[in-house]
N, C-alpha and C. Protein backbone atom coordinates (compact mmCIF):
# COMPACT_ATOMS: atom_id res chain seq x y z
N MET A 1 -5.39 -38.46 -57.24
CA MET A 1 -5.30 -37.96 -56.89
C MET A 1 -5.33 -36.83 -55.37
N ASN A 2 -4.52 -35.86 -55.07
CA ASN A 2 -4.29 -35.24 -53.79
C ASN A 2 -4.79 -33.84 -54.20
N MET A 3 -6.19 -33.56 -53.15
CA MET A 3 -6.68 -32.12 -53.44
C MET A 3 -5.79 -31.97 -52.23
N SER A 4 -4.95 -31.41 -51.44
CA SER A 4 -4.94 -30.75 -50.09
C SER A 4 -4.40 -29.29 -50.57
N PRO A 5 -4.70 -28.35 -49.64
CA PRO A 5 -3.99 -27.06 -50.59
C PRO A 5 -2.90 -27.07 -50.59
N PRO A 6 -1.80 -26.45 -51.69
CA PRO A 6 -0.34 -26.35 -51.79
C PRO A 6 0.52 -25.89 -49.81
N THR A 7 1.39 -25.61 -49.79
CA THR A 7 1.91 -25.54 -48.39
C THR A 7 2.92 -24.69 -49.31
N ARG A 8 2.80 -23.62 -48.91
CA ARG A 8 3.95 -22.05 -48.62
C ARG A 8 4.92 -21.79 -47.26
N LYS A 9 5.74 -22.48 -47.61
CA LYS A 9 7.13 -21.23 -47.08
C LYS A 9 6.99 -20.18 -46.50
N HIS A 10 6.48 -19.30 -46.94
CA HIS A 10 6.66 -17.89 -46.48
C HIS A 10 5.28 -17.52 -46.67
N PRO A 11 5.53 -16.75 -45.63
CA PRO A 11 3.69 -16.07 -45.75
C PRO A 11 3.20 -14.79 -46.08
N VAL A 12 2.20 -15.23 -46.26
CA VAL A 12 1.71 -14.03 -47.46
C VAL A 12 1.41 -13.14 -46.96
N PRO A 13 1.85 -11.47 -47.13
CA PRO A 13 1.56 -10.41 -46.01
C PRO A 13 0.18 -10.29 -45.61
N GLY A 14 0.21 -9.78 -44.73
CA GLY A 14 -1.76 -9.34 -44.41
C GLY A 14 -1.87 -11.05 -43.63
N GLU A 15 -1.22 -11.76 -43.83
CA GLU A 15 -2.53 -12.62 -44.13
C GLU A 15 -1.80 -13.35 -42.19
N VAL A 16 -3.52 -14.27 -41.97
CA VAL A 16 -3.38 -14.74 -40.15
C VAL A 16 -2.95 -15.58 -39.80
N PRO A 17 -1.60 -16.05 -39.23
CA PRO A 17 -0.99 -17.45 -38.92
C PRO A 17 -2.69 -17.90 -38.40
N ILE A 18 -2.07 -19.44 -38.63
CA ILE A 18 -3.70 -20.45 -38.24
C ILE A 18 -2.94 -20.77 -36.57
N PRO A 19 -3.51 -20.94 -35.85
CA PRO A 19 -2.55 -20.58 -34.69
C PRO A 19 -2.83 -22.88 -34.44
N SER A 20 -1.63 -23.33 -33.75
CA SER A 20 -1.73 -24.72 -33.04
C SER A 20 -3.05 -24.78 -32.30
N GLN A 21 -3.27 -25.66 -32.43
CA GLN A 21 -3.49 -26.67 -31.35
C GLN A 21 -3.55 -26.77 -29.95
N GLU A 22 -1.96 -26.68 -30.38
CA GLU A 22 -0.99 -26.82 -27.77
C GLU A 22 -0.66 -24.92 -28.08
N PRO A 23 -1.26 -24.58 -26.77
CA PRO A 23 -0.72 -23.27 -26.92
C PRO A 23 0.97 -23.14 -26.63
N SER A 24 1.55 -22.18 -26.81
CA SER A 24 2.89 -21.95 -26.47
C SER A 24 2.66 -21.61 -25.03
N LYS A 25 4.47 -21.57 -25.12
CA LYS A 25 5.07 -21.40 -23.14
C LYS A 25 4.47 -19.49 -23.43
N LYS A 26 4.80 -18.49 -24.25
CA LYS A 26 4.79 -17.21 -24.22
C LYS A 26 2.85 -16.98 -24.06
N GLU A 27 2.56 -18.04 -25.07
CA GLU A 27 0.81 -17.94 -24.70
C GLU A 27 0.49 -18.38 -23.53
N LEU A 28 0.85 -19.29 -22.80
CA LEU A 28 0.19 -19.95 -21.26
C LEU A 28 0.54 -18.63 -19.92
N ALA A 29 2.01 -17.65 -20.38
CA ALA A 29 2.55 -17.26 -19.87
C ALA A 29 1.88 -15.95 -19.86
N LEU A 30 1.59 -15.25 -21.18
CA LEU A 30 0.31 -14.08 -21.14
C LEU A 30 -0.73 -14.21 -20.38
N GLU A 31 -1.31 -15.42 -20.66
CA GLU A 31 -3.16 -15.96 -20.03
C GLU A 31 -2.46 -15.68 -18.47
N ARG A 32 -1.33 -16.59 -18.00
CA ARG A 32 -1.25 -16.79 -16.44
C ARG A 32 -1.29 -14.63 -16.07
N LEU A 33 -0.84 -13.90 -16.49
CA LEU A 33 -0.28 -12.45 -16.07
C LEU A 33 -1.74 -12.02 -16.80
N ALA A 34 -2.86 -12.21 -17.56
CA ALA A 34 -3.46 -11.37 -17.44
C ALA A 34 -4.73 -12.05 -16.66
N THR A 35 -4.33 -13.37 -16.08
CA THR A 35 -5.20 -14.22 -14.90
C THR A 35 -4.71 -13.37 -13.42
N THR A 36 -3.54 -12.95 -13.87
CA THR A 36 -3.58 -11.97 -12.39
C THR A 36 -3.60 -10.28 -12.03
N LEU A 37 -3.74 -10.04 -13.63
CA LEU A 37 -3.39 -9.00 -13.33
C LEU A 37 -5.57 -8.67 -13.12
N GLU A 38 -6.43 -9.51 -13.76
CA GLU A 38 -7.24 -9.04 -13.51
C GLU A 38 -8.28 -9.27 -11.78
N ARG A 39 -7.59 -10.31 -10.87
CA ARG A 39 -7.18 -11.10 -9.61
C ARG A 39 -6.35 -9.92 -9.01
N SER A 40 -5.71 -9.05 -9.67
CA SER A 40 -5.38 -7.51 -8.74
C SER A 40 -5.73 -6.72 -8.67
N GLU A 41 -7.17 -6.66 -9.55
CA GLU A 41 -7.56 -5.38 -9.81
C GLU A 41 -7.07 -3.93 -10.28
N TYR A 42 -6.38 -4.58 -11.23
CA TYR A 42 -4.61 -3.33 -11.74
C TYR A 42 -5.63 -2.32 -12.80
N LYS A 43 -6.86 -2.34 -13.09
CA LYS A 43 -8.37 -1.56 -13.60
C LYS A 43 -8.22 -0.72 -13.39
N ASP A 44 -8.60 -0.85 -11.62
CA ASP A 44 -9.41 -0.11 -11.09
C ASP A 44 -8.07 0.87 -9.88
N LEU A 45 -6.88 0.71 -9.99
CA LEU A 45 -5.24 1.02 -9.48
C LEU A 45 -5.17 2.43 -10.65
N ILE A 46 -5.54 1.69 -11.50
CA ILE A 46 -5.37 3.24 -13.03
C ILE A 46 -5.70 3.26 -13.28
N GLU A 47 -7.66 3.08 -12.83
CA GLU A 47 -8.53 3.98 -13.20
C GLU A 47 -8.35 4.95 -11.82
N ASN A 48 -8.09 5.09 -10.59
CA ASN A 48 -7.61 6.29 -9.59
C ASN A 48 -7.19 6.41 -10.02
N TYR A 49 -5.41 5.73 -10.59
CA TYR A 49 -4.30 6.80 -10.74
C TYR A 49 -4.49 8.35 -11.78
N LEU A 50 -5.40 7.75 -12.99
CA LEU A 50 -5.55 8.47 -13.89
C LEU A 50 -6.66 9.50 -13.48
N ASN A 51 -7.62 9.56 -12.56
CA ASN A 51 -8.59 10.41 -12.11
C ASN A 51 -7.84 11.35 -11.00
N PRO A 52 -7.98 12.18 -11.01
CA PRO A 52 -7.05 13.34 -10.20
C PRO A 52 -8.55 13.34 -9.06
N ARG A 53 -9.59 13.43 -9.01
CA ARG A 53 -10.00 14.23 -7.70
C ARG A 53 -10.04 12.34 -7.21
N LYS A 54 -10.47 11.52 -7.63
CA LYS A 54 -10.05 10.06 -6.47
C LYS A 54 -9.17 10.42 -5.93
N ARG A 55 -7.97 10.55 -6.59
CA ARG A 55 -6.85 10.41 -6.07
C ARG A 55 -6.58 11.56 -5.01
N ILE A 56 -7.27 12.37 -4.79
CA ILE A 56 -7.32 13.51 -3.93
C ILE A 56 -7.71 12.95 -2.23
N ILE A 57 -8.71 12.96 -3.16
CA ILE A 57 -9.53 12.53 -2.02
C ILE A 57 -9.46 11.19 -1.30
N THR A 58 -8.94 9.71 -1.58
CA THR A 58 -8.15 9.02 -1.35
C THR A 58 -6.65 9.46 -0.55
N ASN A 59 -5.96 10.51 -0.79
CA ASN A 59 -5.08 11.30 -0.21
C ASN A 59 -5.31 11.71 0.67
N PHE A 60 -6.25 12.41 0.49
CA PHE A 60 -6.40 13.03 1.83
C PHE A 60 -6.98 12.60 2.92
N THR A 61 -8.14 11.59 2.57
CA THR A 61 -8.81 10.35 3.79
C THR A 61 -7.37 10.31 4.43
N ALA A 62 -6.05 9.10 3.96
CA ALA A 62 -5.79 9.08 4.48
C ALA A 62 -4.79 10.03 4.95
N GLY A 63 -4.21 10.75 4.76
CA GLY A 63 -3.33 11.67 6.03
C GLY A 63 -4.09 11.96 6.34
N LEU A 64 -5.50 12.13 7.00
CA LEU A 64 -6.59 12.39 7.90
C LEU A 64 -6.36 11.13 9.36
N ALA A 65 -6.29 10.02 8.35
CA ALA A 65 -6.58 8.73 8.92
C ALA A 65 -4.89 8.32 9.68
N ARG A 66 -3.89 9.00 9.66
CA ARG A 66 -2.82 9.44 9.44
C ARG A 66 -2.53 9.98 11.11
N GLY A 67 -2.85 11.28 10.66
CA GLY A 67 -2.95 12.36 11.70
C GLY A 67 -3.45 12.05 12.77
N LEU A 68 -4.96 11.42 12.57
CA LEU A 68 -5.44 10.88 13.40
C LEU A 68 -4.92 9.58 14.96
N GLY A 69 -4.39 8.67 13.64
CA GLY A 69 -3.72 7.27 14.83
C GLY A 69 -2.92 7.88 15.41
N LEU A 70 -1.85 9.72 14.76
CA LEU A 70 -0.47 9.45 15.25
C LEU A 70 -0.72 10.31 16.92
N THR A 71 -1.90 11.36 16.14
CA THR A 71 -2.18 11.82 17.70
C THR A 71 -2.66 10.79 18.97
N ILE A 72 -3.51 10.34 18.37
CA ILE A 72 -4.64 9.38 19.21
C ILE A 72 -2.85 8.11 20.31
N GLY A 73 -1.89 8.01 19.50
CA GLY A 73 -1.46 6.83 19.74
C GLY A 73 -0.09 8.05 20.27
N THR A 74 -0.10 8.78 19.82
CA THR A 74 0.79 10.32 21.13
C THR A 74 0.78 10.15 22.31
N THR A 75 -0.80 10.45 22.54
CA THR A 75 -1.72 11.05 23.36
C THR A 75 -1.77 9.22 24.96
N VAL A 76 -2.19 8.82 24.16
CA VAL A 76 -1.63 6.85 24.90
C VAL A 76 -0.45 6.80 25.20
N VAL A 77 0.74 7.34 24.78
CA VAL A 77 2.17 7.32 25.38
C VAL A 77 2.49 7.85 26.48
N ILE A 78 1.94 9.10 26.00
CA ILE A 78 2.54 10.16 27.08
C ILE A 78 1.70 10.17 28.83
N ALA A 79 0.65 10.04 27.84
CA ALA A 79 -0.37 9.84 29.18
C ALA A 79 0.40 7.77 30.41
N LEU A 80 0.28 7.49 29.56
CA LEU A 80 1.34 5.80 30.47
C LEU A 80 2.42 6.23 30.59
N LEU A 81 3.78 7.03 30.26
CA LEU A 81 4.92 7.88 30.63
C LEU A 81 4.78 8.99 31.96
N GLY A 82 3.43 8.97 31.58
CA GLY A 82 3.09 10.21 32.81
C GLY A 82 2.85 9.44 33.74
N TRP A 83 2.01 8.56 33.96
CA TRP A 83 1.16 7.97 35.00
C TRP A 83 2.39 6.85 35.77
N LEU A 84 3.51 6.75 34.09
CA LEU A 84 4.48 5.74 35.09
C LEU A 84 5.93 6.63 35.77
N VAL A 85 5.98 7.49 35.39
CA VAL A 85 6.67 8.95 36.59
C VAL A 85 6.19 9.19 37.45
N SER A 86 5.29 8.73 37.86
CA SER A 86 3.91 9.30 38.74
C SER A 86 4.57 7.65 39.89
N GLN A 87 4.62 6.78 39.10
CA GLN A 87 4.68 5.99 40.67
C GLN A 87 6.49 6.04 41.13
N PHE A 88 7.57 7.17 40.72
CA PHE A 88 8.33 7.17 40.91
C PHE A 88 9.35 7.74 42.49
N VAL A 89 7.55 9.31 42.09
CA VAL A 89 7.56 10.21 43.10
C VAL A 89 8.40 10.10 44.64
N SER A 90 7.54 8.98 45.07
CA SER A 90 7.53 9.02 45.96
C SER A 90 9.26 7.52 46.64
N MET A 91 10.22 7.50 45.30
CA MET A 91 11.45 7.09 45.66
C MET A 91 12.35 8.79 45.83
N PRO A 92 13.58 7.75 46.89
CA PRO A 92 13.89 9.29 47.35
C PRO A 92 14.85 9.93 46.48
N ILE A 93 15.70 9.81 45.58
CA ILE A 93 16.55 10.29 44.38
C ILE A 93 15.81 10.98 42.77
N ILE A 94 15.15 10.01 42.57
CA ILE A 94 14.47 10.13 41.63
C ILE A 94 12.44 10.88 41.92
N GLY A 95 12.00 10.81 42.99
CA GLY A 95 11.21 11.99 43.43
C GLY A 95 11.32 13.27 43.59
N GLU A 96 12.84 13.86 44.10
CA GLU A 96 13.78 14.78 44.12
C GLU A 96 13.72 15.39 43.36
N PHE A 97 14.42 14.43 42.26
CA PHE A 97 14.25 15.25 40.73
C PHE A 97 13.02 15.79 40.00
N ILE A 98 12.43 14.61 40.09
CA ILE A 98 10.46 15.18 39.34
C ILE A 98 10.03 16.15 40.36
N ALA A 99 10.56 16.35 41.49
CA ALA A 99 9.34 17.09 42.17
C ALA A 99 9.71 18.79 41.13
N LYS A 100 11.71 18.58 41.07
CA LYS A 100 12.10 20.09 40.77
C LYS A 100 11.20 19.82 39.51
N ILE A 101 11.38 19.34 38.76
CA ILE A 101 10.38 19.63 37.08
C ILE A 101 9.52 20.32 37.05
N VAL A 102 8.69 19.38 38.13
CA VAL A 102 7.36 19.50 38.44
C VAL A 102 7.03 21.42 39.09
N SER A 103 7.60 21.29 39.80
CA SER A 103 8.12 22.88 40.04
C SER A 103 8.45 23.97 39.03
N TYR A 104 9.64 23.64 37.96
CA TYR A 104 9.65 24.42 37.52
C TYR A 104 8.14 24.73 36.21
N VAL A 105 7.87 23.41 36.07
CA VAL A 105 6.66 23.82 34.97
C VAL A 105 5.48 24.13 35.55
N ASP A 106 5.31 24.74 37.25
CA ASP A 106 4.56 24.88 37.83
C ASP A 106 4.69 26.59 37.54
N MET A 107 5.90 27.02 37.79
CA MET A 107 6.70 28.05 37.34
C MET A 107 6.15 28.87 36.24
N TYR A 108 6.31 28.14 35.18
CA TYR A 108 6.05 29.01 34.13
C TYR A 108 4.40 29.01 33.69
N LYS A 109 3.24 28.10 33.79
CA LYS A 109 2.17 28.50 33.33
C LYS A 109 2.12 29.70 33.73
């Protein structure tokens, strides 16, 4: 006598299928995706996006850092250019041109 349960060809509505022993390609892909999202701290990004106060503080801080960096960078570049131009003052043609520019600037002070 065979006591195994009868096999059905059609699933019963509401019945949960029994998973096979070996994961399918979709399950492996979903597992890799879940692991990748956990590593990338995606949850923190979503929380930051959904909380307007955190978003405002983050963007304000980033704007201050960009503005400060731009100001310092511009100051350094202009100082280097000023130093470089001052090296050419003793040259005959370029020195006269720079002297005229300096006199124009002095007139408007």
